[in-house]
């Protein structure tokens, strides 16, 4: 099955995926490693395959997360995660599963270098919950 995504749909997917990595980096800031978390998570997203991989790899219309706090960023990213899943489920459930897996791999990549703090574990739970809300 093929999917048709508007420019706004593509922006939603990028906001959701890269925003999830940004939230994980913010949650890991207390450990002094937000740049490493962001880098590892972004590499995982850039390694994605399938139609979603093409969208995430395209830098046109790059994501601009607004929010001066983690809560402000989450206000944009968590609904985008749910929206992206809903959009993809309507067009191609297999691609929705692919997107969910890509985001979860990015979270795992972002946290693989050491113990995950309770803050990071809670953020990962919220991201997973948003993915599964669709």
C-alpha atoms as a PDB file:
ATOM      1  CA  UNK A   1       0.000   0.000   0.000  1.00  0.00           C
ATOM      2  CA  UNK A   2       1.326   3.449  -0.788  1.00  0.00           C
ATOM      3  CA  UNK A   3       0.869   6.505   1.357  1.00  0.00           C
ATOM      4  CA  UNK A   4       0.225  10.073   0.305  1.00  0.00           C
ATOM      5  CA  UNK A   5       1.494  12.748   2.665  1.00  0.00           C
ATOM      6  CA  UNK A   6       0.986  16.484   2.411  1.00  0.00           C
ATOM      7  CA  UNK A   7       3.747  18.880   3.404  1.00  0.00           C
ATOM      8  CA  UNK A   8       1.889  19.426   6.695  1.00  0.00           C
ATOM      9  CA  UNK A   9       1.705  15.644   7.269  1.00  0.00           C
ATOM     10  CA  UNK A  10       5.448  15.374   6.702  1.00  0.00           C
ATOM     11  CA  UNK A  11       6.086  18.219   9.134  1.00  0.00           C
ATOM     12  CA  UNK A  12       3.929  16.447  11.719  1.00  0.00           C
ATOM     13  CA  UNK A  13       5.970  13.248  11.320  1.00  0.00           C
ATOM     14  CA  UNK A  14       9.268  15.126  11.646  1.00  0.00           C
ATOM     15  CA  UNK A  15       8.006  17.157  14.612  1.00  0.00           C
ATOM     16  CA  UNK A  16       6.874  13.985  16.333  1.00  0.00           C
ATOM     17  CA  UNK A  17      10.048  11.976  15.746  1.00  0.00           C
ATOM     18  CA  UNK A  18      12.691  14.653  16.243  1.00  0.00           C
ATOM     19  CA  UNK A  19      10.634  16.192  19.024  1.00  0.00           C
ATOM     20  CA  UNK A  20      10.671  12.866  20.874  1.00  0.00           C
ATOM     21  CA  UNK A  21      14.468  12.885  20.688  1.00  0.00           C
ATOM     22  CA  UNK A  22      14.507  16.489  21.932  1.00  0.00           C
ATOM     23  CA  UNK A  23      12.322  15.543  24.885  1.00  0.00           C
ATOM     24  CA  UNK A  24      14.671  12.691  25.754  1.00  0.00           C
ATOM     25  CA  UNK A  25      17.666  15.039  25.535  1.00  0.00           C
ATOM     26  CA  UNK A  26      15.931  17.515  27.832  1.00  0.00           C
ATOM     27  CA  UNK A  27      15.109  14.729  30.281  1.00  0.00           C
ATOM     28  CA  UNK A  28      18.758  13.640  30.257  1.00  0.00           C
ATOM     29  CA  UNK A  29      20.139  17.138  30.740  1.00  0.00           C
ATOM     30  CA  UNK A  30      20.573  16.611  34.474  1.00  0.00           C
ATOM     31  CA  UNK A  31      23.070  13.852  33.679  1.00  0.00           C
ATOM     32  CA  UNK A  32      25.137  16.285  31.629  1.00  0.00           C
ATOM     33  CA  UNK A  33      24.739  14.451  28.334  1.00  0.00           C
ATOM     34  CA  UNK A  34      21.913  16.068  26.346  1.00  0.00           C
ATOM     35  CA  UNK A  35      24.051  16.555  23.207  1.00  0.00           C
ATOM     36  CA  UNK A  36      25.059  12.885  23.137  1.00  0.00           C
ATOM     37  CA  UNK A  37      21.432  11.836  23.648  1.00  0.00           C
ATOM     38  CA  UNK A  38      20.266  14.129  20.837  1.00  0.00           C
ATOM     39  CA  UNK A  39      23.020  12.927  18.506  1.00  0.00           C
ATOM     40  CA  UNK A  40      22.390   9.223  19.104  1.00  0.00           C
ATOM     41  CA  UNK A  41      18.631   9.626  18.754  1.00  0.00           C
ATOM     42  CA  UNK A  42      18.951  11.713  15.587  1.00  0.00           C
ATOM     43  CA  UNK A  43      21.291   9.165  14.007  1.00  0.00           C
ATOM     44  CA  UNK A  44      18.676   6.487  14.671  1.00  0.00           C
ATOM     45  CA  UNK A  45      16.002   8.615  12.975  1.00  0.00           C
ATOM     46  CA  UNK A  46      18.255   9.331  10.001  1.00  0.00           C
ATOM     47  CA  UNK A  47      18.779   5.570   9.626  1.00  0.00           C
ATOM     48  CA  UNK A  48      15.053   4.883   9.223  1.00  0.00           C
ATOM     49  CA  UNK A  49      13.739   3.112   6.152  1.00  0.00           C
ATOM     50  CA  UNK A  50      10.497   2.984   4.207  1.00  0.00           C
ATOM     51  CA  UNK A  51       8.284   5.941   3.347  1.00  0.00           C
ATOM     52  CA  UNK A  52       8.675   7.350   6.856  1.00  0.00           C
ATOM     53  CA  UNK A  53      12.440   7.043   6.559  1.00  0.00           C
ATOM     54  CA  UNK A  54      12.326   9.184   3.419  1.00  0.00           C
ATOM     55  CA  UNK A  55      10.277  11.826   5.259  1.00  0.00           C
ATOM     56  CA  UNK A  56      12.593  11.867   8.282  1.00  0.00           C
ATOM     57  CA  UNK A  57      15.672  12.022   6.064  1.00  0.00           C
ATOM     58  CA  UNK A  58      14.374  15.014   4.117  1.00  0.00           C
ATOM     59  CA  UNK A  59      15.617  18.199   5.745  1.00  0.00           C
ATOM     60  CA  UNK A  60      13.276  20.526   3.845  1.00  0.00           C
ATOM     61  CA  UNK A  61      10.772  22.087   6.189  1.00  0.00           C
ATOM     62  CA  UNK A  62      12.920  21.240   9.173  1.00  0.00           C
ATOM     63  CA  UNK A  63      11.364  21.066  12.603  1.00  0.00           C
ATOM     64  CA  UNK A  64      11.234  24.164  14.755  1.00  0.00           C
ATOM     65  CA  UNK A  65      10.143  23.256  18.245  1.00  0.00           C
ATOM     66  CA  UNK A  66       8.757  26.139  20.185  1.00  0.00           C
ATOM     67  CA  UNK A  67       8.600  26.192  23.918  1.00  0.00           C
ATOM     68  CA  UNK A  68      10.813  27.671  26.562  1.00  0.00           C
ATOM     69  CA  UNK A  69      10.343  24.693  28.868  1.00  0.00           C
ATOM     70  CA  UNK A  70      10.212  20.942  28.504  1.00  0.00           C
ATOM     71  CA  UNK A  71       6.475  21.167  29.211  1.00  0.00           C
ATOM     72  CA  UNK A  72       6.095  23.669  26.372  1.00  0.00           C
ATOM     73  CA  UNK A  73       7.929  21.393  23.950  1.00  0.00           C
ATOM     74  CA  UNK A  74       5.901  18.397  25.128  1.00  0.00           C
ATOM     75  CA  UNK A  75       2.708  20.347  24.432  1.00  0.00           C
ATOM     76  CA  UNK A  76       3.674  20.247  20.735  1.00  0.00           C
ATOM     77  CA  UNK A  77       5.462  16.912  20.473  1.00  0.00           C
ATOM     78  CA  UNK A  78       3.167  14.521  22.340  1.00  0.00           C
ATOM     79  CA  UNK A  79       0.061  15.447  20.293  1.00  0.00           C
ATOM     80  CA  UNK A  80       2.200  15.265  17.132  1.00  0.00           C
ATOM     81  CA  UNK A  81       3.171  11.693  18.029  1.00  0.00           C
ATOM     82  CA  UNK A  82      -0.481  10.729  18.416  1.00  0.00           C
ATOM     83  CA  UNK A  83      -1.429  12.626  15.261  1.00  0.00           C
ATOM     84  CA  UNK A  84       1.315  10.982  13.233  1.00  0.00           C
ATOM     85  CA  UNK A  85       0.188   7.534  14.334  1.00  0.00           C
ATOM     86  CA  UNK A  86      -3.460   8.308  13.503  1.00  0.00           C
ATOM     87  CA  UNK A  87      -2.516   9.668  10.096  1.00  0.00           C
ATOM     88  CA  UNK A  88      -0.364   6.670   9.233  1.00  0.00           C
ATOM     89  CA  UNK A  89      -2.870   4.111  10.577  1.00  0.00           C
ATOM     90  CA  UNK A  90      -5.516   5.565   8.262  1.00  0.00           C
ATOM     91  CA  UNK A  91      -3.300   5.204   5.210  1.00  0.00           C
ATOM     92  CA  UNK A  92      -1.118   2.181   5.952  1.00  0.00           C
ATOM     93  CA  UNK A  93      -1.135   0.385   9.321  1.00  0.00           C
ATOM     94  CA  UNK A  94       2.195  -1.275   8.529  1.00  0.00           C
ATOM     95  CA  UNK A  95       3.803   2.136   8.037  1.00  0.00           C
ATOM     96  CA  UNK A  96       2.297   3.272  11.357  1.00  0.00           C
ATOM     97  CA  UNK A  97       4.015   0.291  12.984  1.00  0.00           C
ATOM     98  CA  UNK A  98       7.228   1.262  11.204  1.00  0.00           C
ATOM     99  CA  UNK A  99       6.984   4.833  12.532  1.00  0.00           C
ATOM    100  CA  UNK A 100       6.315   3.614  16.076  1.00  0.00           C
ATOM    101  CA  UNK A 101       9.327   1.298  15.863  1.00  0.00           C
ATOM    102  CA  UNK A 102      11.547   4.063  14.488  1.00  0.00           C
ATOM    103  CA  UNK A 103      10.670   6.398  17.361  1.00  0.00           C
ATOM    104  CA  UNK A 104      11.179   3.661  19.968  1.00  0.00           C
ATOM    105  CA  UNK A 105      14.565   2.744  18.474  1.00  0.00           C
ATOM    106  CA  UNK A 106      15.548   6.424  18.609  1.00  0.00           C
ATOM    107  CA  UNK A 107      14.596   6.520  22.289  1.00  0.00           C
ATOM    108  CA  UNK A 108      16.583   3.365  22.955  1.00  0.00           C
ATOM    109  CA  UNK A 109      19.568   4.745  21.029  1.00  0.00           C
ATOM    110  CA  UNK A 110      19.357   7.950  23.019  1.00  0.00           C
ATOM    111  CA  UNK A 111      19.550   6.065  26.302  1.00  0.00           C
ATOM    112  CA  UNK A 112      21.916   3.199  25.535  1.00  0.00           C
ATOM    113  CA  UNK A 113      25.142   4.716  26.861  1.00  0.00           C
ATOM    114  CA  UNK A 114      24.410   4.332  30.525  1.00  0.00           C
ATOM    115  CA  UNK A 115      21.771   3.974  33.121  1.00  0.00           C
ATOM    116  CA  UNK A 116      18.514   5.620  32.262  1.00  0.00           C
ATOM    117  CA  UNK A 117      17.523   8.139  34.900  1.00  0.00           C
ATOM    118  CA  UNK A 118      14.027   8.080  36.365  1.00  0.00           C
ATOM    119  CA  UNK A 119      13.375  11.331  34.485  1.00  0.00           C
ATOM    120  CA  UNK A 120      14.346   9.773  31.166  1.00  0.00           C
ATOM    121  CA  UNK A 121      12.330   6.623  31.909  1.00  0.00           C
ATOM    122  CA  UNK A 122       9.263   8.746  32.622  1.00  0.00           C
ATOM    123  CA  UNK A 123       9.728  10.737  29.417  1.00  0.00           C
ATOM    124  CA  UNK A 124      10.083   7.510  27.427  1.00  0.00           C
ATOM    125  CA  UNK A 125       6.843   6.287  29.021  1.00  0.00           C
ATOM    126  CA  UNK A 126       5.032   9.490  28.028  1.00  0.00           C
ATOM    127  CA  UNK A 127       6.322   9.228  24.455  1.00  0.00           C
ATOM    128  CA  UNK A 128       5.236   5.590  24.203  1.00  0.00           C
ATOM    129  CA  UNK A 129       1.844   6.479  25.654  1.00  0.00           C
ATOM    130  CA  UNK A 130       1.399   9.225  23.036  1.00  0.00           C
ATOM    131  CA  UNK A 131       2.327   6.779  20.254  1.00  0.00           C
ATOM    132  CA  UNK A 132      -0.202   4.264  21.530  1.00  0.00           C
ATOM    133  CA  UNK A 133      -3.023   6.796  22.049  1.00  0.00           C
ATOM    134  CA  UNK A 134      -3.958   6.777  18.366  1.00  0.00           C
END
